C-alpha cells in the first residue's frame, strides 16, 4: 500500500529552478555532433545523387523527425530531472520521501510506486536513500537505481511522507489527490 501523500506545497519549486539553471542538460551528449553528422550526410548524399534543394529539404524534414522526437523526450526528461532534484534539495536531510508514479506509467515505475526513501545530502545507499543529483543517465535498464527520472519520458514525482491527514487541507483537495491515485 502506498504511503499517505502530502499536499504540502512543493518545497522544491525555487530549488527546481535553481537546480535546472545550474545543471540543465548535463547528461545530454552528442546532440550537436549528431545533428551536424545528419546534416553533413544529407548534403553529401544530395550532392552525390544530384538531388534538388527541394528534395534535400524533404529528406532533412524526414531525418529531423527523429530529432523532433528526441527534443520532446529531452524536454520532458530534463524538466523532470530539475524538478525532482530541486525538490530533494529542498527537503531536509533525514526526512522521508516516497515515489509517486503517474497513472498508466511503465511497469518499472509501478514497482517503485509508494516506496519510501530517506533524503541525504550526498551519495548514500542507492537502494534506500535519495539525494539531489542522483541519476540514471547513461545506465542500462538493468543497472538503474531509484532516481527520478527513472528513464527518458519518466512522469514520476517525489512526494513528502507526512501524516495521514495533512493539517489545513480541505476534504475536496484530499479527494482530488485520492482520485489522482486511482
Protein backbone atom coordinates (compact mmCIF):
# COMPACT_ATOMS: atom_id res chain seq x y z
CA UNK A 1 0.00 0.00 0.00
CA UNK A 2 1.32 3.42 -0.93
CA UNK A 3 2.04 5.91 1.86
CA UNK A 4 -0.22 8.86 2.50
CA UNK A 5 0.53 11.65 0.07
CA UNK A 6 1.43 15.07 1.38
CA UNK A 7 -0.32 18.03 -0.18
CA UNK A 8 2.15 20.47 1.33
CA UNK A 9 3.27 22.89 -1.41
CA UNK A 10 6.28 21.61 -3.30
CA UNK A 11 9.33 22.71 -1.28
CA UNK A 12 11.43 22.40 -4.40
CA UNK A 13 9.79 24.94 -6.71
CA UNK A 14 12.53 27.53 -6.31
CA UNK A 15 15.02 24.73 -5.85
CA UNK A 16 13.95 23.13 -9.13
CA UNK A 17 14.51 26.38 -10.98
CA UNK A 18 17.91 26.90 -9.41
CA UNK A 19 18.89 23.27 -9.95
CA UNK A 20 17.79 23.41 -13.57
CA UNK A 21 19.67 26.64 -14.23
CA UNK A 22 22.87 25.23 -12.76
CA UNK A 23 22.76 21.78 -14.28
CA UNK A 24 20.50 21.90 -17.34
CA UNK A 25 21.30 19.21 -19.84
CA UNK A 26 24.47 17.98 -18.13
CA UNK A 27 23.61 14.45 -19.23
CA UNK A 28 22.93 15.41 -22.83
CA UNK A 29 25.81 14.42 -25.04
CA UNK A 30 26.40 14.06 -28.73
CA UNK A 31 23.32 16.09 -29.76
CA UNK A 32 25.27 18.78 -31.59
CA UNK A 33 27.65 16.25 -33.14
CA UNK A 34 24.77 14.01 -34.18
CA UNK A 35 22.87 16.92 -35.70
CA UNK A 36 25.95 18.05 -37.62
CA UNK A 37 26.55 14.49 -38.86
CA UNK A 38 22.95 14.15 -40.05
CA UNK A 39 23.17 17.45 -41.92
CA UNK A 40 26.53 16.63 -43.47
CA UNK A 41 25.34 13.18 -44.51
CA UNK A 42 22.17 14.52 -46.11
CA UNK A 43 24.01 17.24 -48.03
CA UNK A 44 26.67 14.77 -49.18
CA UNK A 45 24.01 12.29 -50.31
CA UNK A 46 22.14 15.04 -52.18
CA UNK A 47 25.31 16.13 -53.95
CA UNK A 48 26.26 12.55 -54.86
CA UNK A 49 22.80 11.84 -56.27
CA UNK A 50 22.31 15.23 -57.94
CA UNK A 51 19.23 15.97 -55.83
CA UNK A 52 17.49 19.32 -55.97
CA UNK A 53 17.36 21.62 -52.94
CA UNK A 54 13.66 20.72 -52.63
CA UNK A 55 14.49 17.03 -52.43
CA UNK A 56 17.20 17.76 -49.84
CA UNK A 57 14.71 19.81 -47.82
CA UNK A 58 12.25 16.91 -47.91
CA UNK A 59 14.97 14.48 -46.85
CA UNK A 60 16.02 16.76 -43.98
CA UNK A 61 12.42 17.07 -42.82
CA UNK A 62 12.17 13.29 -42.72
CA UNK A 63 15.54 12.83 -40.99
CA UNK A 64 14.87 15.53 -38.42
CA UNK A 65 11.56 13.97 -37.45
CA UNK A 66 13.70 11.81 -35.19
CA UNK A 67 15.41 14.90 -33.82
CA UNK A 68 11.99 16.41 -33.05
CA UNK A 69 11.05 13.29 -31.09
CA UNK A 70 14.41 13.46 -29.34
CA UNK A 71 13.75 17.11 -28.46
CA UNK A 72 10.37 16.24 -26.91
CA UNK A 73 11.87 13.39 -24.90
CA UNK A 74 14.74 15.61 -23.84
CA UNK A 75 12.38 18.38 -22.70
CA UNK A 76 10.25 16.01 -20.62
CA UNK A 77 13.27 14.29 -19.08
CA UNK A 78 15.26 17.45 -18.29
CA UNK A 79 12.28 19.17 -16.64
CA UNK A 80 11.63 16.01 -14.59
CA UNK A 81 15.31 15.90 -13.56
CA UNK A 82 15.34 19.56 -12.48
CA UNK A 83 12.04 19.31 -10.60
CA UNK A 84 12.88 16.06 -8.84
CA UNK A 85 16.33 17.20 -7.79
CA UNK A 86 15.20 20.70 -6.85
CA UNK A 87 12.51 19.09 -4.70
CA UNK A 88 15.04 16.81 -2.99
CA UNK A 89 17.39 19.76 -2.42
CA UNK A 90 14.55 21.48 -0.53
CA UNK A 91 13.71 18.53 1.73
CA UNK A 92 15.69 18.46 4.98
CA UNK A 93 18.18 15.59 5.28
CA UNK A 94 16.79 12.67 7.22
CA UNK A 95 13.17 13.18 6.12
CA UNK A 96 11.38 10.62 4.01
CA UNK A 97 10.00 10.95 0.53
CA UNK A 98 8.01 8.45 -1.48
CA UNK A 99 7.96 7.58 -5.14
CA UNK A 100 4.71 8.72 -6.78
CA UNK A 101 4.14 7.01 -10.11
CA UNK A 102 1.91 8.61 -12.71
CA UNK A 103 -1.26 6.80 -13.71
CA UNK A 104 -0.57 4.45 -16.61
CA UNK A 105 3.20 4.55 -16.13
CA UNK A 106 5.63 1.82 -17.11
CA UNK A 107 5.96 -1.44 -15.11
CA UNK A 108 9.36 -0.41 -13.68
CA UNK A 109 7.93 2.79 -12.19
CA UNK A 110 4.81 0.95 -10.99
CA UNK A 111 7.07 -1.34 -8.94
CA UNK A 112 8.63 1.72 -7.27
CA UNK A 113 5.30 3.47 -6.61
CA UNK A 114 4.83 4.20 -2.92
CA UNK A 115 8.32 3.07 -1.94
CA UNK A 116 9.88 5.29 0.74
CA UNK A 117 13.40 6.69 0.71
CA UNK A 118 15.42 8.73 3.20
CA UNK A 119 16.79 12.04 1.91
CA UNK A 120 20.55 12.51 2.36
CA UNK A 121 22.89 15.32 1.30
CA UNK A 122 25.28 13.27 -0.78
CA UNK A 123 25.66 9.84 -2.27
CA UNK A 124 24.44 7.17 0.09
CA UNK A 125 22.80 3.76 -0.18
CA UNK A 126 21.33 3.89 -3.70
CA UNK A 127 18.55 1.43 -2.84
CA UNK A 128 17.34 3.15 0.35
CA UNK A 129 18.36 6.80 0.03
CA UNK A 130 17.93 9.65 -2.44
CA UNK A 131 19.82 12.91 -2.90
CA UNK A 132 19.89 15.83 -5.28
CA UNK A 133 21.92 14.78 -8.29
CA UNK A 134 21.20 11.04 -8.12
CA UNK A 135 20.52 9.88 -11.68
CA UNK A 136 20.38 7.00 -14.14
CA UNK A 137 21.82 8.85 -17.13
CA UNK A 138 23.85 6.53 -19.29
CA UNK A 139 22.94 3.39 -17.33
CA UNK A 140 21.36 0.37 -19.00
CA UNK A 141 17.90 -0.60 -17.71
CA UNK A 142 19.26 -3.48 -15.61
CA UNK A 143 21.65 -1.16 -13.72
CA UNK A 144 19.21 1.65 -12.87
CA UNK A 145 18.72 2.79 -9.29
CA UNK A 146 15.68 4.51 -7.76
CA UNK A 147 16.11 8.05 -9.09
CA UNK A 148 13.66 10.36 -10.84
CA UNK A 149 13.57 10.42 -13.77
CA UNK A 150 13.99 6.67 -13.84
CA UNK A 151 14.14 6.64 -17.63
CA UNK A 152 13.59 9.06 -20.53
CA UNK A 153 10.00 10.41 -20.61
CA UNK A 154 9.50 9.46 -16.93
CA UNK A 155 6.48 11.20 -15.36
CA UNK A 156 7.06 10.14 -11.75
CA UNK A 157 7.43 12.56 -8.83
CA UNK A 158 8.75 12.61 -5.28
CA UNK A 159 6.27 13.39 -2.50
CA UNK A 160 6.99 14.06 1.12
CA UNK A 161 5.89 11.37 3.51
CA UNK A 162 3.82 13.05 6.18
CA UNK A 163 0.90 12.50 8.49
CA UNK A 164 -2.03 10.51 7.13
CA UNK A 165 -4.19 13.64 7.18
CA UNK A 166 -2.21 16.79 6.48
CA UNK A 167 -3.25 19.77 8.54
CA UNK A 168 -5.08 22.60 6.79
CA UNK A 169 -6.02 20.58 3.71
CA UNK A 170 -9.66 20.59 2.65
CA UNK A 171 -11.65 17.40 2.14
CA UNK A 172 -12.07 18.44 -1.51
CA UNK A 173 -8.29 18.60 -2.03
CA UNK A 174 -7.82 15.24 -0.29
CA UNK A 175 -10.48 13.73 -2.57
CA UNK A 176 -8.75 15.18 -5.65
CA UNK A 177 -5.42 13.71 -4.53
CA UNK A 178 -7.07 10.33 -3.95
CA UNK A 179 -8.60 10.48 -7.45
CA UNK A 180 -5.14 11.02 -8.94
CA UNK A 181 -4.03 7.85 -7.22
CA UNK A 182 -6.81 5.72 -8.70
